[in-house]
């Protein structure tokens, strides 16, 4: 069991520490705005904020997110670049 702080709420999920965060958020927490796309950090469909930094959840293990503040598209205002589709970071 992992305890994740997502969009201002604590979620205790039955997940292994080495499960990809994108799958835990989408399938076990039920927040479907975070998606698995390419799996190689290129498409951006898995972008979330972790402690205010844009990361790609397809490359982060859920165990590495314990104790951090996670924000998904569902927890952000509609005009936030992560939600509106603007390029929030120029790096690939």
PDB file of N, CA and C in Angstrom:
ATOM      1  N   UNK A   1       0.842  -1.190   0.000  1.00  0.00           N
ATOM      2  CA  UNK A   1       0.000   0.000   0.000  1.00  0.00           C
ATOM      3  C   UNK A   1       0.882   1.247   0.000  1.00  0.00           C
ATOM      4  N   UNK A   2       0.515   2.161  -0.847  1.00  0.00           N
ATOM      5  CA  UNK A   2       1.227   3.433  -0.923  1.00  0.00           C
ATOM      6  C   UNK A   2       0.262   4.563  -0.614  1.00  0.00           C
ATOM      7  N   UNK A   3       0.762   5.591   0.048  1.00  0.00           N
ATOM      8  CA  UNK A   3      -0.041   6.779   0.332  1.00  0.00           C
ATOM      9  C   UNK A   3       0.472   7.901  -0.561  1.00  0.00           C
ATOM     10  N   UNK A   4      -0.399   8.379  -1.442  1.00  0.00           N
ATOM     11  CA  UNK A   4      -0.040   9.439  -2.376  1.00  0.00           C
ATOM     12  C   UNK A   4      -0.926  10.653  -2.128  1.00  0.00           C
ATOM     13  N   UNK A   5      -0.327  11.828  -2.213  1.00  0.00           N
ATOM     14  CA  UNK A   5      -1.063  13.085  -2.038  1.00  0.00           C
ATOM     15  C   UNK A   5      -1.300  13.675  -3.429  1.00  0.00           C
ATOM     16  N   UNK A   6      -2.541  13.529  -3.910  1.00  0.00           N
ATOM     17  CA  UNK A   6      -2.879  13.930  -5.273  1.00  0.00           C
ATOM     18  C   UNK A   6      -4.015  14.943  -5.248  1.00  0.00           C
ATOM     19  N   UNK A   7      -3.793  16.077  -5.880  1.00  0.00           N
ATOM     20  CA  UNK A   7      -4.806  17.128  -6.003  1.00  0.00           C
ATOM     21  C   UNK A   7      -5.371  17.542  -4.651  1.00  0.00           C
ATOM     22  N   UNK A   8      -4.493  17.604  -3.651  1.00  0.00           N
ATOM     23  CA  UNK A   8      -4.903  18.077  -2.330  1.00  0.00           C
ATOM     24  C   UNK A   8      -5.533  17.031  -1.427  1.00  0.00           C
ATOM     25  N   UNK A   9      -5.595  15.796  -1.886  1.00  0.00           N
ATOM     26  CA  UNK A   9      -6.203  14.726  -1.090  1.00  0.00           C
ATOM     27  C   UNK A   9      -5.232  13.565  -0.963  1.00  0.00           C
ATOM     28  N   UNK A  10      -5.303  12.882   0.171  1.00  0.00           N
ATOM     29  CA  UNK A  10      -4.496  11.684   0.367  1.00  0.00           C
ATOM     30  C   UNK A  10      -5.238  10.475  -0.182  1.00  0.00           C
ATOM     31  N   UNK A  11      -4.508   9.636  -0.888  1.00  0.00           N
ATOM     32  CA  UNK A  11      -5.054   8.407  -1.458  1.00  0.00           C
ATOM     33  C   UNK A  11      -4.161   7.252  -1.024  1.00  0.00           C
ATOM     34  N   UNK A  12      -4.749   6.256  -0.406  1.00  0.00           N
ATOM     35  CA  UNK A  12      -4.007   5.039  -0.085  1.00  0.00           C
ATOM     36  C   UNK A  12      -4.388   4.009  -1.129  1.00  0.00           C
ATOM     37  N   UNK A  13      -3.388   3.549  -1.869  1.00  0.00           N
ATOM     38  CA  UNK A  13      -3.647   2.648  -2.993  1.00  0.00           C
ATOM     39  C   UNK A  13      -2.851   1.356  -2.855  1.00  0.00           C
ATOM     40  N   UNK A  14      -3.448   0.288  -3.334  1.00  0.00           N
ATOM     41  CA  UNK A  14      -2.766  -1.001  -3.377  1.00  0.00           C
ATOM     42  C   UNK A  14      -1.890  -1.011  -4.620  1.00  0.00           C
ATOM     43  N   UNK A  15      -0.659  -0.587  -4.432  1.00  0.00           N
ATOM     44  CA  UNK A  15       0.273  -0.502  -5.553  1.00  0.00           C
ATOM     45  C   UNK A  15       1.666  -0.854  -5.067  1.00  0.00           C
ATOM     46  N   UNK A  16       2.447  -1.370  -5.990  1.00  0.00           N
ATOM     47  CA  UNK A  16       3.846  -1.673  -5.695  1.00  0.00           C
ATOM     48  C   UNK A  16       4.675  -0.410  -5.927  1.00  0.00           C
ATOM     49  N   UNK A  17       5.739  -0.224  -5.155  1.00  0.00           N
ATOM     50  CA  UNK A  17       6.570   0.973  -5.331  1.00  0.00           C
ATOM     51  C   UNK A  17       7.158   1.122  -6.727  1.00  0.00           C
ATOM     52  N   UNK A  18       7.348   0.017  -7.438  1.00  0.00           N
ATOM     53  CA  UNK A  18       7.947   0.108  -8.771  1.00  0.00           C
ATOM     54  C   UNK A  18       6.922   0.180  -9.905  1.00  0.00           C
ATOM     55  N   UNK A  19       5.636   0.313  -9.569  1.00  0.00           N
ATOM     56  CA  UNK A  19       4.617   0.514 -10.610  1.00  0.00           C
ATOM     57  C   UNK A  19       4.754   1.929 -11.144  1.00  0.00           C
ATOM     58  N   UNK A  20       4.535   2.089 -12.437  1.00  0.00           N
ATOM     59  CA  UNK A  20       4.595   3.429 -13.016  1.00  0.00           C
ATOM     60  C   UNK A  20       3.479   4.295 -12.442  1.00  0.00           C
ATOM     61  N   UNK A  21       3.855   5.516 -12.108  1.00  0.00           N
ATOM     62  CA  UNK A  21       2.902   6.442 -11.503  1.00  0.00           C
ATOM     63  C   UNK A  21       1.708   6.706 -12.421  1.00  0.00           C
ATOM     64  N   UNK A  22       1.926   6.761 -13.720  1.00  0.00           N
ATOM     65  CA  UNK A  22       0.829   7.009 -14.655  1.00  0.00           C
ATOM     66  C   UNK A  22      -0.278   5.968 -14.500  1.00  0.00           C
ATOM     67  N   UNK A  23       0.096   4.690 -14.340  1.00  0.00           N
ATOM     68  CA  UNK A  23      -0.910   3.628 -14.199  1.00  0.00           C
ATOM     69  C   UNK A  23      -1.609   3.711 -12.846  1.00  0.00           C
ATOM     70  N   UNK A  24      -0.878   4.044 -11.809  1.00  0.00           N
ATOM     71  CA  UNK A  24      -1.482   4.144 -10.473  1.00  0.00           C
ATOM     72  C   UNK A  24      -2.507   5.284 -10.450  1.00  0.00           C
ATOM     73  N   UNK A  25      -2.121   6.442 -10.995  1.00  0.00           N
ATOM     74  CA  UNK A  25      -3.041   7.587 -11.022  1.00  0.00           C
ATOM     75  C   UNK A  25      -4.275   7.252 -11.854  1.00  0.00           C
ATOM     76  N   UNK A  26      -4.070   6.688 -13.015  1.00  0.00           N
ATOM     77  CA  UNK A  26      -5.178   6.431 -13.934  1.00  0.00           C
ATOM     78  C   UNK A  26      -6.059   5.281 -13.481  1.00  0.00           C
ATOM     79  N   UNK A  27      -5.472   4.141 -13.191  1.00  0.00           N
ATOM     80  CA  UNK A  27      -6.261   2.938 -12.936  1.00  0.00           C
ATOM     81  C   UNK A  27      -6.635   2.714 -11.470  1.00  0.00           C
ATOM     82  N   UNK A  28      -5.773   3.110 -10.553  1.00  0.00           N
ATOM     83  CA  UNK A  28      -6.049   2.811  -9.146  1.00  0.00           C
ATOM     84  C   UNK A  28      -6.655   3.980  -8.393  1.00  0.00           C
ATOM     85  N   UNK A  29      -6.326   5.205  -8.808  1.00  0.00           N
ATOM     86  CA  UNK A  29      -6.941   6.379  -8.193  1.00  0.00           C
ATOM     87  C   UNK A  29      -8.168   6.801  -9.000  1.00  0.00           C
ATOM     88  N   UNK A  30      -8.168   6.509 -10.302  1.00  0.00           N
ATOM     89  CA  UNK A  30      -9.325   6.810 -11.139  1.00  0.00           C
ATOM     90  C   UNK A  30      -9.313   8.188 -11.762  1.00  0.00           C
ATOM     91  N   UNK A  31      -8.155   8.835 -11.807  1.00  0.00           N
ATOM     92  CA  UNK A  31      -8.045  10.139 -12.449  1.00  0.00           C
ATOM     93  C   UNK A  31      -7.576   9.915 -13.887  1.00  0.00           C
ATOM     94  N   UNK A  32      -8.490  10.015 -14.803  1.00  0.00           N
ATOM     95  CA  UNK A  32      -8.226   9.597 -16.181  1.00  0.00           C
ATOM     96  C   UNK A  32      -7.668  10.695 -17.080  1.00  0.00           C
ATOM     97  N   UNK A  33      -7.400  11.874 -16.538  1.00  0.00           N
ATOM     98  CA  UNK A  33      -6.789  12.935 -17.333  1.00  0.00           C
ATOM     99  C   UNK A  33      -5.311  12.691 -17.584  1.00  0.00           C
ATOM    100  N   UNK A  34      -4.709  11.838 -16.766  1.00  0.00           N
ATOM    101  CA  UNK A  34      -3.309  11.466 -16.943  1.00  0.00           C
ATOM    102  C   UNK A  34      -3.282  10.165 -17.719  1.00  0.00           C
ATOM    103  N   UNK A  35      -2.646  10.191 -18.883  1.00  0.00           N
ATOM    104  CA  UNK A  35      -2.706   9.039 -19.773  1.00  0.00           C
ATOM    105  C   UNK A  35      -1.325   8.525 -20.142  1.00  0.00           C
ATOM    106  N   UNK A  36      -1.276   7.242 -20.475  1.00  0.00           N
ATOM    107  CA  UNK A  36      -0.065   6.655 -21.029  1.00  0.00           C
ATOM    108  C   UNK A  36      -0.144   6.841 -22.533  1.00  0.00           C
ATOM    109  N   UNK A  37       0.864   7.481 -23.091  1.00  0.00           N
ATOM    110  CA  UNK A  37       0.880   7.709 -24.535  1.00  0.00           C
ATOM    111  C   UNK A  37       1.987   6.922 -25.191  1.00  0.00           C
ATOM    112  N   UNK A  38       3.149   7.544 -25.274  1.00  0.00           N
ATOM    113  CA  UNK A  38       4.263   6.923 -26.002  1.00  0.00           C
ATOM    114  C   UNK A  38       5.169   6.072 -25.112  1.00  0.00           C
ATOM    115  N   UNK A  39       5.250   6.391 -23.817  1.00  0.00           N
ATOM    116  CA  UNK A  39       6.119   5.651 -22.910  1.00  0.00           C
ATOM    117  C   UNK A  39       7.592   5.997 -23.014  1.00  0.00           C
ATOM    118  N   UNK A  40       7.923   7.008 -23.831  1.00  0.00           N
ATOM    119  CA  UNK A  40       9.330   7.405 -23.978  1.00  0.00           C
ATOM    120  C   UNK A  40       9.524   8.902 -23.718  1.00  0.00           C
ATOM    121  N   UNK A  41       8.616   9.503 -22.970  1.00  0.00           N
ATOM    122  CA  UNK A  41       8.713  10.904 -22.551  1.00  0.00           C
ATOM    123  C   UNK A  41       8.634  11.918 -23.685  1.00  0.00           C
ATOM    124  N   UNK A  42       7.969  11.578 -24.775  1.00  0.00           N
ATOM    125  CA  UNK A  42       7.921  12.493 -25.912  1.00  0.00           C
ATOM    126  C   UNK A  42       6.557  13.163 -26.117  1.00  0.00           C
ATOM    127  N   UNK A  43       5.476  12.449 -25.902  1.00  0.00           N
ATOM    128  CA  UNK A  43       4.174  12.980 -26.299  1.00  0.00           C
ATOM    129  C   UNK A  43       3.567  13.941 -25.271  1.00  0.00           C
ATOM    130  N   UNK A  44       3.869  13.752 -24.005  1.00  0.00           N
ATOM    131  CA  UNK A  44       3.374  14.660 -22.978  1.00  0.00           C
ATOM    132  C   UNK A  44       2.011  14.333 -22.404  1.00  0.00           C
ATOM    133  N   UNK A  45       1.371  13.263 -22.841  1.00  0.00           N
ATOM    134  CA  UNK A  45       0.034  12.962 -22.318  1.00  0.00           C
ATOM    135  C   UNK A  45       0.060  12.521 -20.856  1.00  0.00           C
ATOM    136  N   UNK A  46       1.237  12.233 -20.344  1.00  0.00           N
ATOM    137  CA  UNK A  46       1.357  11.780 -18.955  1.00  0.00           C
ATOM    138  C   UNK A  46       1.910  12.859 -18.033  1.00  0.00           C
ATOM    139  N   UNK A  47       2.040  14.095 -18.528  1.00  0.00           N
ATOM    140  CA  UNK A  47       2.618  15.164 -17.716  1.00  0.00           C
ATOM    141  C   UNK A  47       1.751  15.482 -16.505  1.00  0.00           C
ATOM    142  N   UNK A  48       2.418  15.632 -15.374  1.00  0.00           N
ATOM    143  CA  UNK A  48       1.786  16.044 -14.124  1.00  0.00           C
ATOM    144  C   UNK A  48       2.764  16.969 -13.410  1.00  0.00           C
ATOM    145  N   UNK A  49       2.325  17.563 -12.311  1.00  0.00           N
ATOM    146  CA  UNK A  49       3.209  18.346 -11.462  1.00  0.00           C
ATOM    147  C   UNK A  49       3.518  17.538 -10.214  1.00  0.00           C
ATOM    148  N   UNK A  50       4.788  17.463  -9.863  1.00  0.00           N
ATOM    149  CA  UNK A  50       5.223  16.831  -8.623  1.00  0.00           C
ATOM    150  C   UNK A  50       6.041  17.871  -7.880  1.00  0.00           C
ATOM    151  N   UNK A  51       5.518  18.291  -6.734  1.00  0.00           N
ATOM    152  CA  UNK A  51       6.138  19.380  -5.972  1.00  0.00           C
ATOM    153  C   UNK A  51       6.391  20.598  -6.857  1.00  0.00           C
ATOM    154  N   UNK A  52       5.424  20.878  -7.756  1.00  0.00           N
ATOM    155  CA  UNK A  52       5.477  22.052  -8.607  1.00  0.00           C
ATOM    156  C   UNK A  52       6.314  21.914  -9.865  1.00  0.00           C
ATOM    157  N   UNK A  53       6.955  20.788 -10.052  1.00  0.00           N
ATOM    158  CA  UNK A  53       7.806  20.567 -11.224  1.00  0.00           C
ATOM    159  C   UNK A  53       7.090  19.653 -12.219  1.00  0.00           C
ATOM    160  N   UNK A  54       7.147  20.008 -13.483  1.00  0.00           N
ATOM    161  CA  UNK A  54       6.540  19.180 -14.524  1.00  0.00           C
ATOM    162  C   UNK A  54       7.374  17.913 -14.684  1.00  0.00           C
ATOM    163  N   UNK A  55       6.708  16.776 -14.574  1.00  0.00           N
ATOM    164  CA  UNK A  55       7.384  15.492 -14.805  1.00  0.00           C
ATOM    165  C   UNK A  55       6.486  14.635 -15.688  1.00  0.00           C
ATOM    166  N   UNK A  56       7.072  13.626 -16.237  1.00  0.00           N
ATOM    167  CA  UNK A  56       6.317  12.676 -17.060  1.00  0.00           C
ATOM    168  C   UNK A  56       6.108  11.418 -16.223  1.00  0.00           C
ATOM    169  N   UNK A  57       4.870  11.162 -15.900  1.00  0.00           N
ATOM    170  CA  UNK A  57       4.544  10.067 -14.982  1.00  0.00           C
ATOM    171  C   UNK A  57       4.753   8.693 -15.601  1.00  0.00           C
ATOM    172  N   UNK A  58       5.018   8.625 -16.910  1.00  0.00           N
ATOM    173  CA  UNK A  58       5.298   7.339 -17.546  1.00  0.00           C
ATOM    174  C   UNK A  58       6.700   6.846 -17.225  1.00  0.00           C
ATOM    175  N   UNK A  59       7.500   7.696 -16.612  1.00  0.00           N
ATOM    176  CA  UNK A  59       8.874   7.320 -16.281  1.00  0.00           C
ATOM    177  C   UNK A  59       9.158   7.437 -14.788  1.00  0.00           C
ATOM    178  N   UNK A  60       8.133   7.657 -13.976  1.00  0.00           N
ATOM    179  CA  UNK A  60       8.316   7.793 -12.531  1.00  0.00           C
ATOM    180  C   UNK A  60       7.617   6.646 -11.823  1.00  0.00           C
ATOM    181  N   UNK A  61       8.331   5.997 -10.932  1.00  0.00           N
ATOM    182  CA  UNK A  61       7.721   4.945 -10.119  1.00  0.00           C
ATOM    183  C   UNK A  61       6.850   5.573  -9.040  1.00  0.00           C
ATOM    184  N   UNK A  62       5.752   4.907  -8.732  1.00  0.00           N
ATOM    185  CA  UNK A  62       4.826   5.413  -7.721  1.00  0.00           C
ATOM    186  C   UNK A  62       5.512   5.582  -6.372  1.00  0.00           C
ATOM    187  N   UNK A  63       6.409   4.683  -6.039  1.00  0.00           N
ATOM    188  CA  UNK A  63       7.115   4.781  -4.765  1.00  0.00           C
ATOM    189  C   UNK A  63       7.931   6.048  -4.635  1.00  0.00           C
ATOM    190  N   UNK A  64       8.407   6.585  -5.752  1.00  0.00           N
ATOM    191  CA  UNK A  64       9.185   7.825  -5.733  1.00  0.00           C
ATOM    192  C   UNK A  64       8.304   9.052  -5.499  1.00  0.00           C
ATOM    193  N   UNK A  65       6.995   8.901  -5.607  1.00  0.00           N
ATOM    194  CA  UNK A  65       6.076  10.018  -5.421  1.00  0.00           C
ATOM    195  C   UNK A  65       5.510  10.096  -4.006  1.00  0.00           C
ATOM    196  N   UNK A  66       5.781   9.095  -3.185  1.00  0.00           N
ATOM    197  CA  UNK A  66       5.287   9.106  -1.799  1.00  0.00           C
ATOM    198  C   UNK A  66       5.892  10.300  -1.072  1.00  0.00           C
ATOM    199  N   UNK A  67       5.036  11.041  -0.370  1.00  0.00           N
ATOM    200  CA  UNK A  67       5.486  12.208   0.389  1.00  0.00           C
ATOM    201  C   UNK A  67       5.597  13.481  -0.428  1.00  0.00           C
ATOM    202  N   UNK A  68       5.213  13.422  -1.698  1.00  0.00           N
ATOM    203  CA  UNK A  68       5.280  14.592  -2.568  1.00  0.00           C
ATOM    204  C   UNK A  68       3.877  15.058  -2.924  1.00  0.00           C
ATOM    205  N   UNK A  69       3.768  16.318  -3.323  1.00  0.00           N
ATOM    206  CA  UNK A  69       2.483  16.882  -3.744  1.00  0.00           C
ATOM    207  C   UNK A  69       2.337  16.690  -5.249  1.00  0.00           C
ATOM    208  N   UNK A  70       1.351  15.907  -5.626  1.00  0.00           N
ATOM    209  CA  UNK A  70       1.091  15.594  -7.023  1.00  0.00           C
ATOM    210  C   UNK A  70      -0.143  16.364  -7.474  1.00  0.00           C
ATOM    211  N   UNK A  71      -0.040  17.001  -8.615  1.00  0.00           N
ATOM    212  CA  UNK A  71      -1.198  17.673  -9.213  1.00  0.00           C
ATOM    213  C   UNK A  71      -1.393  17.132 -10.618  1.00  0.00           C
ATOM    214  N   UNK A  72      -2.608  16.676 -10.896  1.00  0.00           N
ATOM    215  CA  UNK A  72      -2.953  16.208 -12.232  1.00  0.00           C
ATOM    216  C   UNK A  72      -3.822  17.262 -12.906  1.00  0.00           C
ATOM    217  N   UNK A  73      -4.176  17.024 -14.148  1.00  0.00           N
ATOM    218  CA  UNK A  73      -5.031  17.960 -14.879  1.00  0.00           C
ATOM    219  C   UNK A  73      -6.340  18.212 -14.155  1.00  0.00           C
ATOM    220  N   UNK A  74      -6.857  17.190 -13.489  1.00  0.00           N
ATOM    221  CA  UNK A  74      -8.133  17.341 -12.779  1.00  0.00           C
ATOM    222  C   UNK A  74      -8.041  18.311 -11.609  1.00  0.00           C
ATOM    223  N   UNK A  75      -6.847  18.526 -11.076  1.00  0.00           N
ATOM    224  CA  UNK A  75      -6.670  19.403  -9.926  1.00  0.00           C
ATOM    225  C   UNK A  75      -6.218  20.805 -10.271  1.00  0.00           C
ATOM    226  N   UNK A  76      -6.100  21.104 -11.561  1.00  0.00           N
ATOM    227  CA  UNK A  76      -5.602  22.399 -12.003  1.00  0.00           C
ATOM    228  C   UNK A  76      -6.711  23.192 -12.686  1.00  0.00           C
ATOM    229  N   UNK A  77      -6.598  24.528 -12.693  1.00  0.00           N
ATOM    230  CA  UNK A  77      -7.601  25.332 -13.407  1.00  0.00           C
ATOM    231  C   UNK A  77      -7.517  25.091 -14.915  1.00  0.00           C
ATOM    232  N   UNK A  78      -8.628  25.326 -15.587  1.00  0.00           N
ATOM    233  CA  UNK A  78      -8.706  25.079 -17.032  1.00  0.00           C
ATOM    234  C   UNK A  78      -7.683  25.856 -17.840  1.00  0.00           C
ATOM    235  N   UNK A  79      -7.259  27.029 -17.337  1.00  0.00           N
ATOM    236  CA  UNK A  79      -6.319  27.841 -18.102  1.00  0.00           C
ATOM    237  C   UNK A  79      -4.853  27.526 -17.777  1.00  0.00           C
ATOM    238  N   UNK A  80      -4.616  26.532 -16.937  1.00  0.00           N
ATOM    239  CA  UNK A  80      -3.234  26.140 -16.650  1.00  0.00           C
ATOM    240  C   UNK A  80      -2.643  25.503 -17.903  1.00  0.00           C
ATOM    241  N   UNK A  81      -1.376  25.803 -18.231  1.00  0.00           N
ATOM    242  CA  UNK A  81      -0.764  25.257 -19.456  1.00  0.00           C
ATOM    243  C   UNK A  81      -0.813  23.731 -19.549  1.00  0.00           C
ATOM    244  N   UNK A  82      -0.751  23.045 -18.430  1.00  0.00           N
ATOM    245  CA  UNK A  82      -0.805  21.582 -18.452  1.00  0.00           C
ATOM    246  C   UNK A  82      -2.178  21.086 -18.916  1.00  0.00           C
ATOM    247  N   UNK A  83      -3.201  21.867 -18.617  1.00  0.00           N
ATOM    248  CA  UNK A  83      -4.572  21.500 -19.005  1.00  0.00           C
ATOM    249  C   UNK A  83      -4.899  22.012 -20.412  1.00  0.00           C
ATOM    250  N   UNK A  84      -4.471  23.227 -20.697  1.00  0.00           N
ATOM    251  CA  UNK A  84      -4.838  23.835 -21.971  1.00  0.00           C
ATOM    252  C   UNK A  84      -4.024  23.314 -23.151  1.00  0.00           C
ATOM    253  N   UNK A  85      -2.962  22.561 -22.852  1.00  0.00           N
ATOM    254  CA  UNK A  85      -2.165  21.981 -23.918  1.00  0.00           C
ATOM    255  C   UNK A  85      -0.987  22.819 -24.349  1.00  0.00           C
ATOM    256  N   UNK A  86      -0.781  23.963 -23.694  1.00  0.00           N
ATOM    257  CA  UNK A  86       0.400  24.765 -24.013  1.00  0.00           C
ATOM    258  C   UNK A  86       1.648  24.014 -23.586  1.00  0.00           C
ATOM    259  N   UNK A  87       2.752  24.322 -24.207  1.00  0.00           N
ATOM    260  CA  UNK A  87       4.014  23.656 -23.890  1.00  0.00           C
ATOM    261  C   UNK A  87       4.552  24.250 -22.591  1.00  0.00           C
ATOM    262  N   UNK A  88       4.413  23.500 -21.481  1.00  0.00           N
ATOM    263  CA  UNK A  88       4.836  24.005 -20.174  1.00  0.00           C
ATOM    264  C   UNK A  88       6.323  23.862 -19.951  1.00  0.00           C
ATOM    265  N   UNK A  89       6.966  23.046 -20.724  1.00  0.00           N
ATOM    266  CA  UNK A  89       8.430  22.979 -20.699  1.00  0.00           C
ATOM    267  C   UNK A  89       8.894  22.619 -22.094  1.00  0.00           C
ATOM    268  N   UNK A  90       9.927  23.235 -22.501  1.00  0.00           N
ATOM    269  CA  UNK A  90      10.397  23.080 -23.881  1.00  0.00           C
ATOM    270  C   UNK A  90      11.272  21.858 -24.082  1.00  0.00           C
ATOM    271  N   UNK A  91      11.643  21.198 -22.986  1.00  0.00           N
ATOM    272  CA  UNK A  91      12.516  20.035 -23.127  1.00  0.00           C
ATOM    273  C   UNK A  91      11.729  18.820 -23.582  1.00  0.00           C
ATOM    274  N   UNK A  92      12.359  17.955 -24.371  1.00  0.00           N
ATOM    275  CA  UNK A  92      11.661  16.755 -24.855  1.00  0.00           C
ATOM    276  C   UNK A  92      11.405  15.770 -23.741  1.00  0.00           C
TER     277      UNK A  92
END
